[in-house]
Amino acid sequence: MESLRGSSVQHLQALSALLSTQQDDDDDDEDCKNVTACAGLGPGHVGPPPTKDKEVSSAYVKNNSKDIWSEEEVSEGSQYDDLADPRPQPEYEIILKQNVGTEDLFLGLNRKDPSSMCCEAMLVKIKLPDTKATDVVLDVKEKFLDLRTLKYKLGLHLPHPIHSHRGKAQFFSERGELEVTLLMKRPMDFINMQ
């Protein structure tokens, strides 16, 4: 059993020597000859020691302006977040939709499948009980949906980018529900939708 422990320590030392780009002191090699001294070795001891120099990435370099953050660091729709607003968020549901014909279903001619990569639209159903259609204010951005009424507010970060000017909204007063259909913007549409 002792020979197995010694060989595993030797394998660990050999792996560390292979991964290390710097030559370590000889004191470490003398300490590791004793099996009990090497029992404290872990994954952090393999390879070169971490460098103390902190590299600053170019994404976080602060310009000479007095801005605390750049516009790229702020998510779309954050200007609508108001923590002091007491209005509750309404219940909502997001459903992905695709147009499927008989040639897709039975013959598979258009190479569509049930995955979300083949979906063309997103349907957002928002329950707004005791609300009139004239009270609804809706603003749709590429990745954010902002809905305001007298009783409710909803700031929804969308799961996929959409064409903000090509959607439609329909309010059903008998159900107290707003349905917003948004066409999704896909970077690989020319491949997926053929």
N, C-alpha and C. Protein backbone atom coordinates (compact mmCIF):
# COMPACT_ATOMS: atom_id res chain seq x y z
N MET A 1 0.83 -1.19 0.00
CA MET A 1 0.00 0.00 0.00
C MET A 1 0.87 1.25 0.00
N GLU A 2 1.98 1.20 0.72
CA GLU A 2 2.89 2.34 0.78
C GLU A 2 3.49 2.64 -0.59
N SER A 3 3.77 1.57 -1.37
CA SER A 3 4.35 1.78 -2.70
C SER A 3 3.34 2.43 -3.64
N LEU A 4 2.05 2.13 -3.45
CA LEU A 4 1.02 2.78 -4.28
C LEU A 4 0.92 4.26 -3.97
N ARG A 5 1.01 4.61 -2.68
CA ARG A 5 0.96 6.03 -2.31
C ARG A 5 2.18 6.76 -2.85
N GLY A 6 3.31 6.13 -2.77
CA GLY A 6 4.53 6.76 -3.26
C GLY A 6 4.49 6.95 -4.76
N SER A 7 3.95 5.97 -5.48
CA SER A 7 3.89 6.09 -6.94
C SER A 7 2.88 7.15 -7.36
N SER A 8 1.76 7.29 -6.63
CA SER A 8 0.79 8.33 -6.98
C SER A 8 1.36 9.72 -6.70
N VAL A 9 2.16 9.84 -5.67
CA VAL A 9 2.83 11.12 -5.40
C VAL A 9 3.81 11.42 -6.51
N GLN A 10 4.53 10.40 -6.97
CA GLN A 10 5.48 10.60 -8.06
C GLN A 10 4.75 10.99 -9.34
N HIS A 11 3.60 10.39 -9.59
CA HIS A 11 2.81 10.74 -10.78
C HIS A 11 2.32 12.18 -10.67
N LEU A 12 1.89 12.59 -9.49
CA LEU A 12 1.43 13.96 -9.28
C LEU A 12 2.56 14.96 -9.49
N GLN A 13 3.76 14.60 -8.99
CA GLN A 13 4.91 15.47 -9.18
C GLN A 13 5.30 15.56 -10.66
N ALA A 14 5.24 14.43 -11.36
CA ALA A 14 5.57 14.43 -12.78
C ALA A 14 4.57 15.26 -13.57
N LEU A 15 3.29 15.14 -13.25
CA LEU A 15 2.27 15.94 -13.91
C LEU A 15 2.48 17.42 -13.64
N SER A 16 2.80 17.76 -12.41
CA SER A 16 3.06 19.15 -12.06
C SER A 16 4.27 19.68 -12.81
N ALA A 17 5.30 18.86 -12.96
CA ALA A 17 6.50 19.29 -13.69
C ALA A 17 6.19 19.49 -15.16
N LEU A 18 5.33 18.65 -15.73
CA LEU A 18 4.98 18.80 -17.14
C LEU A 18 4.18 20.07 -17.38
N LEU A 19 3.26 20.36 -16.47
CA LEU A 19 2.40 21.52 -16.64
C LEU A 19 3.06 22.83 -16.23
N SER A 20 4.07 22.75 -15.44
CA SER A 20 4.73 23.95 -14.93
C SER A 20 5.67 24.51 -15.99
N THR A 21 5.60 25.81 -16.18
CA THR A 21 6.50 26.46 -17.14
C THR A 21 7.71 27.08 -16.43
N GLN A 22 7.65 27.17 -15.12
CA GLN A 22 8.75 27.75 -14.37
C GLN A 22 9.42 26.64 -13.56
N GLN A 23 10.70 26.79 -13.31
CA GLN A 23 11.44 25.84 -12.49
C GLN A 23 11.22 26.19 -11.02
N ASP A 24 10.73 25.22 -10.25
CA ASP A 24 10.50 25.44 -8.83
C ASP A 24 11.79 25.20 -8.06
N ASP A 25 11.77 25.66 -6.82
CA ASP A 25 12.94 25.45 -5.96
C ASP A 25 13.09 23.99 -5.62
N ASP A 26 14.29 23.60 -5.24
CA ASP A 26 14.54 22.21 -4.89
C ASP A 26 13.97 21.86 -3.52
N ASP A 27 13.61 22.85 -2.68
CA ASP A 27 13.07 22.53 -1.35
C ASP A 27 11.74 21.80 -1.50
N ASP A 28 10.92 22.19 -2.51
CA ASP A 28 9.63 21.54 -2.70
C ASP A 28 9.83 20.07 -3.04
N ASP A 29 10.84 19.73 -3.85
CA ASP A 29 11.08 18.34 -4.22
C ASP A 29 11.50 17.53 -3.01
N GLU A 30 12.31 18.13 -2.13
CA GLU A 30 12.74 17.41 -0.94
C GLU A 30 11.58 17.19 0.02
N ASP A 31 10.67 18.16 0.13
CA ASP A 31 9.51 18.01 1.01
C ASP A 31 8.57 16.93 0.50
N CYS A 32 8.44 16.79 -0.81
CA CYS A 32 7.48 15.86 -1.36
C CYS A 32 7.99 14.42 -1.38
N LYS A 33 9.22 14.21 -1.04
CA LYS A 33 9.71 12.83 -0.98
C LYS A 33 9.06 12.11 0.19
N ASN A 34 8.66 12.84 1.18
CA ASN A 34 7.95 12.26 2.31
C ASN A 34 6.46 12.24 1.96
N VAL A 35 5.83 11.07 2.05
CA VAL A 35 4.44 10.90 1.65
C VAL A 35 3.52 11.76 2.51
N THR A 36 3.78 11.85 3.78
CA THR A 36 2.89 12.63 4.66
C THR A 36 2.98 14.11 4.34
N ALA A 37 4.11 14.59 3.85
CA ALA A 37 4.23 16.01 3.49
C ALA A 37 3.43 16.31 2.23
N CYS A 38 3.26 15.32 1.36
CA CYS A 38 2.52 15.52 0.11
C CYS A 38 1.03 15.27 0.27
N ALA A 39 0.59 14.85 1.43
CA ALA A 39 -0.83 14.56 1.62
C ALA A 39 -1.67 15.83 1.47
N GLY A 40 -1.09 17.00 1.69
CA GLY A 40 -1.82 18.26 1.57
C GLY A 40 -1.90 18.79 0.15
N LEU A 41 -1.33 18.06 -0.83
CA LEU A 41 -1.39 18.52 -2.21
C LEU A 41 -2.81 18.37 -2.75
N GLY A 42 -3.23 19.31 -3.54
CA GLY A 42 -4.56 19.27 -4.14
C GLY A 42 -4.49 19.75 -5.57
N PRO A 43 -5.62 19.95 -6.20
CA PRO A 43 -5.66 20.38 -7.59
C PRO A 43 -5.01 21.75 -7.81
N GLY A 44 -5.02 22.58 -6.80
CA GLY A 44 -4.41 23.91 -6.94
C GLY A 44 -2.90 23.88 -6.95
N HIS A 45 -2.30 22.77 -6.57
CA HIS A 45 -0.85 22.67 -6.54
C HIS A 45 -0.27 22.16 -7.85
N VAL A 46 -1.11 21.74 -8.81
CA VAL A 46 -0.65 21.22 -10.09
C VAL A 46 -0.49 22.39 -11.04
N GLY A 47 0.63 22.44 -11.72
CA GLY A 47 0.86 23.49 -12.71
C GLY A 47 1.60 24.66 -12.11
N PRO A 48 1.74 25.70 -12.92
CA PRO A 48 2.49 26.88 -12.45
C PRO A 48 1.73 27.62 -11.37
N PRO A 49 2.46 28.28 -10.49
CA PRO A 49 1.77 29.06 -9.46
C PRO A 49 1.03 30.24 -10.09
N PRO A 50 -0.06 30.67 -9.48
CA PRO A 50 -0.81 31.80 -10.05
C PRO A 50 0.02 33.07 -10.02
N THR A 51 -0.18 33.89 -11.05
CA THR A 51 0.55 35.15 -11.11
C THR A 51 -0.14 36.18 -10.23
N LYS A 52 0.63 37.06 -9.68
CA LYS A 52 0.10 38.09 -8.79
C LYS A 52 -0.35 39.33 -9.56
N ASP A 53 0.11 39.45 -10.82
CA ASP A 53 -0.25 40.63 -11.61
C ASP A 53 -1.69 40.52 -12.06
N LYS A 54 -2.44 41.57 -11.89
CA LYS A 54 -3.83 41.61 -12.32
C LYS A 54 -3.86 42.23 -13.72
N GLU A 55 -4.46 41.50 -14.65
CA GLU A 55 -4.61 42.02 -16.00
C GLU A 55 -5.96 42.72 -16.10
N VAL A 56 -5.98 43.87 -16.70
CA VAL A 56 -7.21 44.63 -16.87
C VAL A 56 -7.71 44.36 -18.27
N SER A 57 -8.94 43.84 -18.37
CA SER A 57 -9.49 43.56 -19.69
C SER A 57 -9.91 44.87 -20.34
N SER A 58 -9.91 44.87 -21.66
CA SER A 58 -10.23 46.10 -22.38
C SER A 58 -11.71 46.46 -22.25
N ALA A 59 -12.57 45.50 -21.89
CA ALA A 59 -14.00 45.78 -21.77
C ALA A 59 -14.30 46.64 -20.55
N TYR A 60 -13.45 46.60 -19.55
CA TYR A 60 -13.72 47.34 -18.32
C TYR A 60 -12.79 48.54 -18.14
N VAL A 61 -12.10 48.95 -19.17
CA VAL A 61 -11.24 50.12 -19.06
C VAL A 61 -12.13 51.36 -19.04
N LYS A 62 -11.96 52.17 -18.03
CA LYS A 62 -12.80 53.34 -17.86
C LYS A 62 -12.27 54.47 -18.74
N ASN A 63 -13.17 55.11 -19.45
CA ASN A 63 -12.79 56.25 -20.26
C ASN A 63 -12.57 57.45 -19.37
N ASN A 64 -12.18 58.55 -19.96
CA ASN A 64 -11.91 59.77 -19.19
C ASN A 64 -13.19 60.48 -18.76
N SER A 65 -14.34 59.97 -19.19
CA SER A 65 -15.59 60.63 -18.81
C SER A 65 -15.93 60.31 -17.36
N LYS A 66 -16.97 60.93 -16.85
CA LYS A 66 -17.38 60.71 -15.47
C LYS A 66 -18.44 59.63 -15.35
N ASP A 67 -18.67 58.87 -16.44
CA ASP A 67 -19.64 57.78 -16.41
C ASP A 67 -19.11 56.66 -15.54
N ILE A 68 -20.01 56.05 -14.79
CA ILE A 68 -19.63 54.93 -13.94
C ILE A 68 -19.54 53.66 -14.76
N TRP A 69 -20.42 53.50 -15.78
CA TRP A 69 -20.41 52.32 -16.63
C TRP A 69 -20.65 52.74 -18.07
N SER A 70 -20.30 51.86 -18.97
CA SER A 70 -20.54 52.14 -20.38
C SER A 70 -21.91 51.62 -20.78
N GLU A 71 -22.40 52.05 -21.93
CA GLU A 71 -23.74 51.66 -22.37
C GLU A 71 -23.83 50.17 -22.66
N GLU A 72 -22.71 49.54 -23.05
CA GLU A 72 -22.72 48.11 -23.35
C GLU A 72 -22.93 47.27 -22.10
N GLU A 73 -22.59 47.79 -20.92
CA GLU A 73 -22.70 47.04 -19.68
C GLU A 73 -24.11 47.07 -19.09
N VAL A 74 -24.97 47.96 -19.57
CA VAL A 74 -26.31 48.11 -19.03
C VAL A 74 -27.27 47.34 -19.91
N SER A 75 -28.05 46.44 -19.31
CA SER A 75 -28.99 45.65 -20.09
C SER A 75 -30.15 46.52 -20.56
N GLU A 76 -30.69 46.15 -21.72
CA GLU A 76 -31.80 46.89 -22.29
C GLU A 76 -33.02 46.78 -21.39
N GLY A 77 -33.68 47.88 -21.15
CA GLY A 77 -34.88 47.87 -20.34
C GLY A 77 -34.66 48.21 -18.88
N SER A 78 -33.42 48.38 -18.46
CA SER A 78 -33.17 48.66 -17.05
C SER A 78 -33.66 50.06 -16.65
N GLN A 79 -33.87 50.95 -17.62
CA GLN A 79 -34.38 52.28 -17.28
C GLN A 79 -35.83 52.21 -16.83
N TYR A 80 -36.52 51.09 -17.10
CA TYR A 80 -37.90 50.95 -16.69
C TYR A 80 -38.05 50.34 -15.30
N ASP A 81 -36.96 49.80 -14.75
CA ASP A 81 -37.03 49.18 -13.42
C ASP A 81 -37.19 50.26 -12.37
N ASP A 82 -38.31 50.24 -11.68
CA ASP A 82 -38.59 51.21 -10.63
C ASP A 82 -38.98 50.43 -9.39
N LEU A 83 -38.07 50.33 -8.45
CA LEU A 83 -38.31 49.54 -7.25
C LEU A 83 -39.32 50.20 -6.31
N ALA A 84 -39.51 51.50 -6.46
CA ALA A 84 -40.44 52.20 -5.58
C ALA A 84 -41.89 52.11 -6.08
N ASP A 85 -42.09 51.57 -7.28
CA ASP A 85 -43.43 51.46 -7.84
C ASP A 85 -44.16 50.28 -7.18
N PRO A 86 -45.28 50.52 -6.48
CA PRO A 86 -45.94 49.45 -5.74
C PRO A 86 -46.85 48.55 -6.59
N ARG A 87 -47.03 48.87 -7.88
CA ARG A 87 -47.93 48.07 -8.71
C ARG A 87 -47.40 46.64 -8.86
N PRO A 88 -48.27 45.64 -8.75
CA PRO A 88 -47.82 44.25 -8.89
C PRO A 88 -47.58 43.88 -10.35
N GLN A 89 -46.82 42.81 -10.53
CA GLN A 89 -46.56 42.27 -11.87
C GLN A 89 -47.69 41.30 -12.22
N PRO A 90 -48.29 41.45 -13.40
CA PRO A 90 -49.37 40.52 -13.77
C PRO A 90 -48.82 39.15 -14.14
N GLU A 91 -49.69 38.15 -14.14
CA GLU A 91 -49.30 36.82 -14.59
C GLU A 91 -49.11 36.86 -16.10
N TYR A 92 -48.08 36.16 -16.58
CA TYR A 92 -47.84 36.12 -18.02
C TYR A 92 -47.31 34.75 -18.41
N GLU A 93 -47.38 34.48 -19.69
CA GLU A 93 -46.91 33.21 -20.23
C GLU A 93 -46.29 33.49 -21.60
N ILE A 94 -45.13 32.87 -21.88
CA ILE A 94 -44.47 33.02 -23.17
C ILE A 94 -44.57 31.70 -23.92
N ILE A 95 -45.10 31.76 -25.14
CA ILE A 95 -45.26 30.56 -25.97
C ILE A 95 -44.54 30.81 -27.28
N LEU A 96 -43.67 29.88 -27.68
CA LEU A 96 -42.98 29.98 -28.96
C LEU A 96 -43.83 29.32 -30.03
N LYS A 97 -43.92 29.96 -31.21
CA LYS A 97 -44.79 29.48 -32.27
C LYS A 97 -44.00 29.30 -33.56
N GLN A 98 -44.47 28.38 -34.40
CA GLN A 98 -43.93 28.23 -35.74
C GLN A 98 -45.06 27.87 -36.69
N ASN A 99 -44.93 28.30 -37.93
CA ASN A 99 -45.91 27.97 -38.96
C ASN A 99 -45.54 26.61 -39.54
N VAL A 100 -46.47 25.68 -39.43
CA VAL A 100 -46.23 24.33 -39.91
C VAL A 100 -47.34 23.96 -40.87
N GLY A 101 -46.96 23.47 -42.03
CA GLY A 101 -47.93 23.01 -43.02
C GLY A 101 -47.88 21.51 -43.15
N THR A 102 -48.72 20.98 -44.03
CA THR A 102 -48.74 19.53 -44.23
C THR A 102 -47.44 19.01 -44.79
N GLU A 103 -46.77 19.81 -45.63
CA GLU A 103 -45.49 19.36 -46.18
C GLU A 103 -44.43 19.24 -45.09
N ASP A 104 -44.54 20.04 -44.02
CA ASP A 104 -43.61 19.94 -42.89
C ASP A 104 -43.95 18.74 -42.03
N LEU A 105 -45.24 18.57 -41.76
CA LEU A 105 -45.67 17.55 -40.83
C LEU A 105 -45.53 16.14 -41.38
N PHE A 106 -45.95 15.94 -42.62
CA PHE A 106 -45.96 14.58 -43.17
C PHE A 106 -44.74 14.26 -44.04
N LEU A 107 -44.25 15.24 -44.77
CA LEU A 107 -43.18 14.97 -45.72
C LEU A 107 -41.81 15.46 -45.25
N GLY A 108 -41.77 16.41 -44.34
CA GLY A 108 -40.49 16.94 -43.85
C GLY A 108 -39.72 17.68 -44.91
N LEU A 109 -40.40 18.36 -45.82
CA LEU A 109 -39.73 19.03 -46.92
C LEU A 109 -38.95 20.27 -46.50
N ASN A 110 -39.42 20.99 -45.49
CA ASN A 110 -38.76 22.23 -45.08
C ASN A 110 -37.77 22.04 -43.94
N ARG A 111 -37.50 20.82 -43.55
CA ARG A 111 -36.53 20.49 -42.50
C ARG A 111 -36.86 21.15 -41.16
N LYS A 112 -38.13 21.40 -40.90
CA LYS A 112 -38.51 21.96 -39.60
C LYS A 112 -38.66 20.84 -38.58
N ASP A 113 -38.34 21.16 -37.35
CA ASP A 113 -38.53 20.22 -36.26
C ASP A 113 -39.21 20.96 -35.11
N PRO A 114 -39.60 20.27 -34.05
CA PRO A 114 -40.31 20.94 -32.95
C PRO A 114 -39.42 21.79 -32.04
N SER A 115 -38.15 21.94 -32.34
CA SER A 115 -37.25 22.70 -31.46
C SER A 115 -37.53 24.19 -31.56
N SER A 116 -37.01 24.93 -30.60
CA SER A 116 -37.21 26.39 -30.59
C SER A 116 -36.40 27.08 -31.68
N MET A 117 -35.42 26.40 -32.26
CA MET A 117 -34.63 27.01 -33.34
C MET A 117 -35.46 27.20 -34.60
N CYS A 118 -36.54 26.47 -34.75
CA CYS A 118 -37.39 26.59 -35.94
C CYS A 118 -38.61 27.47 -35.70
N CYS A 119 -38.70 28.09 -34.54
CA CYS A 119 -39.85 28.95 -34.24
C CYS A 119 -39.67 30.32 -34.87
N GLU A 120 -40.77 30.86 -35.38
CA GLU A 120 -40.72 32.18 -36.02
C GLU A 120 -41.26 33.30 -35.14
N ALA A 121 -42.12 32.96 -34.19
CA ALA A 121 -42.79 34.00 -33.41
C ALA A 121 -42.86 33.62 -31.94
N MET A 122 -43.10 34.63 -31.14
CA MET A 122 -43.24 34.45 -29.70
C MET A 122 -44.56 35.09 -29.29
N LEU A 123 -45.40 34.34 -28.60
CA LEU A 123 -46.68 34.85 -28.12
C LEU A 123 -46.57 35.07 -26.62
N VAL A 124 -46.82 36.29 -26.19
CA VAL A 124 -46.79 36.63 -24.76
C VAL A 124 -48.23 36.89 -24.34
N LYS A 125 -48.74 36.04 -23.45
CA LYS A 125 -50.10 36.20 -22.92
C LYS A 125 -49.99 36.82 -21.54
N ILE A 126 -50.63 37.97 -21.36
CA ILE A 126 -50.56 38.71 -20.10
C ILE A 126 -51.97 38.85 -19.54
N LYS A 127 -52.20 38.36 -18.33
CA LYS A 127 -53.52 38.44 -17.69
C LYS A 127 -53.64 39.81 -17.01
N LEU A 128 -54.65 40.57 -17.42
CA LEU A 128 -54.90 41.90 -16.87
C LEU A 128 -56.36 42.01 -16.44
N PRO A 129 -56.74 41.38 -15.32
CA PRO A 129 -58.14 41.46 -14.88
C PRO A 129 -58.51 42.88 -14.48
N ASP A 130 -59.76 43.22 -14.72
CA ASP A 130 -60.31 44.55 -14.37
C ASP A 130 -59.53 45.68 -15.03
N THR A 131 -59.15 45.48 -16.29
CA THR A 131 -58.40 46.49 -17.03
C THR A 131 -59.09 46.74 -18.36
N LYS A 132 -59.11 48.00 -18.79
CA LYS A 132 -59.65 48.36 -20.09
C LYS A 132 -58.51 48.43 -21.11
N ALA A 133 -58.84 48.25 -22.36
CA ALA A 133 -57.82 48.30 -23.42
C ALA A 133 -57.21 49.70 -23.53
N THR A 134 -57.98 50.72 -23.20
CA THR A 134 -57.46 52.09 -23.30
C THR A 134 -56.46 52.41 -22.19
N ASP A 135 -56.44 51.61 -21.12
CA ASP A 135 -55.52 51.85 -20.01
C ASP A 135 -54.14 51.22 -20.23
N VAL A 136 -54.00 50.43 -21.27
CA VAL A 136 -52.75 49.68 -21.50
C VAL A 136 -51.78 50.54 -22.29
N VAL A 137 -50.55 50.65 -21.75
CA VAL A 137 -49.44 51.31 -22.46
C VAL A 137 -48.37 50.24 -22.68
N LEU A 138 -48.06 49.98 -23.95
CA LEU A 138 -47.14 48.90 -24.30
C LEU A 138 -45.99 49.47 -25.11
N ASP A 139 -44.77 49.14 -24.69
CA ASP A 139 -43.56 49.55 -25.41
C ASP A 139 -42.70 48.31 -25.61
N VAL A 140 -42.37 48.01 -26.86
CA VAL A 140 -41.61 46.80 -27.17
C VAL A 140 -40.28 47.20 -27.79
N LYS A 141 -39.20 46.71 -27.20
CA LYS A 141 -37.85 46.90 -27.73
C LYS A 141 -37.36 45.56 -28.28
N GLU A 142 -36.13 45.51 -28.75
CA GLU A 142 -35.59 44.28 -29.34
C GLU A 142 -35.51 43.13 -28.34
N LYS A 143 -35.19 43.43 -27.08
CA LYS A 143 -35.05 42.38 -26.07
C LYS A 143 -35.87 42.65 -24.82
N PHE A 144 -36.80 43.61 -24.87
CA PHE A 144 -37.52 44.01 -23.66
C PHE A 144 -38.94 44.41 -24.00
N LEU A 145 -39.88 43.98 -23.15
CA LEU A 145 -41.29 44.37 -23.28
C LEU A 145 -41.67 45.12 -22.01
N ASP A 146 -42.20 46.32 -22.18
CA ASP A 146 -42.63 47.15 -21.05
C ASP A 146 -44.13 47.39 -21.17
N LEU A 147 -44.88 46.95 -20.14
CA LEU A 147 -46.32 47.12 -20.11
C LEU A 147 -46.69 47.88 -18.84
N ARG A 148 -47.51 48.91 -19.00
CA ARG A 148 -47.98 49.70 -17.86
C ARG A 148 -49.50 49.85 -17.95
N THR A 149 -50.17 49.65 -16.83
CA THR A 149 -51.59 49.96 -16.70
C THR A 149 -51.76 50.70 -15.38
N LEU A 150 -53.00 51.05 -15.06
CA LEU A 150 -53.22 51.73 -13.78
C LEU A 150 -52.95 50.80 -12.60
N LYS A 151 -53.18 49.49 -12.77
CA LYS A 151 -53.03 48.54 -11.66
C LYS A 151 -51.77 47.69 -11.74
N TYR A 152 -51.21 47.52 -12.95
CA TYR A 152 -50.10 46.57 -13.12
C TYR A 152 -48.94 47.22 -13.86
N LYS A 153 -47.76 46.62 -13.66
CA LYS A 153 -46.58 46.97 -14.47
C LYS A 153 -45.82 45.68 -14.74
N LEU A 154 -45.27 45.60 -15.93
CA LEU A 154 -44.50 44.42 -16.31
C LEU A 154 -43.30 44.87 -17.13
N GLY A 155 -42.11 44.58 -16.64
CA GLY A 155 -40.87 44.78 -17.38
C GLY A 155 -40.30 43.41 -17.66
N LEU A 156 -40.43 42.95 -18.90
CA LEU A 156 -40.10 41.57 -19.24
C LEU A 156 -38.91 41.52 -20.20
N HIS A 157 -37.82 40.90 -19.75
CA HIS A 157 -36.68 40.65 -20.62
C HIS A 157 -37.00 39.44 -21.47
N LEU A 158 -37.03 39.61 -22.78
CA LEU A 158 -37.45 38.56 -23.69
C LEU A 158 -36.36 37.52 -23.88
N PRO A 159 -36.73 36.24 -24.04
CA PRO A 159 -35.71 35.19 -24.17
C PRO A 159 -34.98 35.21 -25.51
N HIS A 160 -35.56 35.84 -26.54
CA HIS A 160 -34.92 35.93 -27.86
C HIS A 160 -35.11 37.34 -28.39
N PRO A 161 -34.16 37.86 -29.17
CA PRO A 161 -34.37 39.18 -29.80
C PRO A 161 -35.53 39.11 -30.79
N ILE A 162 -36.25 40.20 -30.92
CA ILE A 162 -37.42 40.25 -31.79
C ILE A 162 -37.34 41.47 -32.70
N HIS A 163 -38.16 41.47 -33.75
CA HIS A 163 -38.33 42.65 -34.60
C HIS A 163 -39.35 43.53 -33.91
N SER A 164 -38.92 44.63 -33.33
CA SER A 164 -39.80 45.43 -32.47
C SER A 164 -40.94 46.12 -33.23
N HIS A 165 -40.81 46.33 -34.53
CA HIS A 165 -41.86 47.03 -35.28
C HIS A 165 -42.74 46.10 -36.10
N ARG A 166 -42.55 44.80 -35.98
CA ARG A 166 -43.31 43.87 -36.80
C ARG A 166 -44.24 42.97 -35.97
N GLY A 167 -44.54 43.36 -34.75
CA GLY A 167 -45.41 42.56 -33.90
C GLY A 167 -46.83 43.10 -33.91
N LYS A 168 -47.71 42.39 -33.19
CA LYS A 168 -49.09 42.87 -33.05
C LYS A 168 -49.59 42.52 -31.66
N ALA A 169 -50.54 43.32 -31.17
CA ALA A 169 -51.12 43.09 -29.85
C ALA A 169 -52.63 43.10 -29.99
N GLN A 170 -53.27 42.23 -29.20
CA GLN A 170 -54.72 42.13 -29.22
C GLN A 170 -55.20 41.97 -27.78
N PHE A 171 -56.19 42.81 -27.39
CA PHE A 171 -56.72 42.76 -26.03
C PHE A 171 -58.09 42.09 -26.05
N PHE A 172 -58.27 41.07 -25.20
CA PHE A 172 -59.54 40.36 -25.08
C PHE A 172 -60.18 40.78 -23.76
N SER A 173 -61.15 41.69 -23.84
CA SER A 173 -61.75 42.25 -22.63
C SER A 173 -62.60 41.22 -21.88
N GLU A 174 -63.19 40.24 -22.59
CA GLU A 174 -64.02 39.24 -21.91
C GLU A 174 -63.17 38.34 -21.01
N ARG A 175 -61.92 38.09 -21.39
CA ARG A 175 -61.01 37.28 -20.57
C ARG A 175 -60.09 38.13 -19.71
N GLY A 176 -59.99 39.42 -20.01
CA GLY A 176 -59.04 40.28 -19.32
C GLY A 176 -57.61 39.88 -19.62
N GLU A 177 -57.31 39.67 -20.92
CA GLU A 177 -55.99 39.17 -21.31
C GLU A 177 -55.49 39.91 -22.55
N LEU A 178 -54.21 40.23 -22.52
CA LEU A 178 -53.54 40.86 -23.66
C LEU A 178 -52.63 39.83 -24.30
N GLU A 179 -52.74 39.66 -25.61
CA GLU A 179 -51.87 38.75 -26.35
C GLU A 179 -50.99 39.57 -27.27
N VAL A 180 -49.69 39.44 -27.09
CA VAL A 180 -48.72 40.17 -27.90
C VAL A 180 -47.94 39.14 -28.72
N THR A 181 -48.03 39.23 -30.05
CA THR A 181 -47.31 38.33 -30.94
C THR A 181 -46.11 39.08 -31.50
N LEU A 182 -44.93 38.55 -31.29
CA LEU A 182 -43.68 39.19 -31.70
C LEU A 182 -42.91 38.27 -32.64
N LEU A 183 -42.46 38.81 -33.77
CA LEU A 183 -41.65 38.02 -34.70
C LEU A 183 -40.21 38.00 -34.22
N MET A 184 -39.65 36.81 -34.13
CA MET A 184 -38.30 36.66 -33.58
C MET A 184 -37.25 36.96 -34.63
N LYS A 185 -36.15 37.54 -34.16
CA LYS A 185 -35.01 37.86 -35.01
C LYS A 185 -33.94 36.80 -34.74
N ARG A 186 -33.65 35.99 -35.73
CA ARG A 186 -32.68 34.90 -35.58
C ARG A 186 -31.46 35.17 -36.46
N PRO A 187 -30.25 35.03 -35.92
CA PRO A 187 -29.06 35.28 -36.74
C PRO A 187 -28.87 34.23 -37.84
N MET A 188 -29.43 33.04 -37.66
CA MET A 188 -29.24 31.98 -38.64
C MET A 188 -30.55 31.65 -39.37
N ASP A 189 -31.43 32.64 -39.54
CA ASP A 189 -32.72 32.39 -40.17
C ASP A 189 -32.58 31.85 -41.58
N PHE A 190 -31.60 32.31 -42.32
CA PHE A 190 -31.46 31.87 -43.70
C PHE A 190 -31.11 30.38 -43.79
N ILE A 191 -30.59 29.81 -42.71
CA ILE A 191 -30.29 28.37 -42.68
C ILE A 191 -31.47 27.60 -42.09
N ASN A 192 -31.99 28.07 -40.97
CA ASN A 192 -33.04 27.34 -40.24
C ASN A 192 -34.39 27.34 -40.95
N MET A 193 -34.70 28.38 -41.68
CA MET A 193 -36.04 28.52 -42.25
C MET A 193 -36.12 28.11 -43.72
N GLN A 194 -35.19 27.33 -44.21
CA GLN A 194 -35.24 26.91 -45.61
C GLN A 194 -35.82 25.54 -45.74
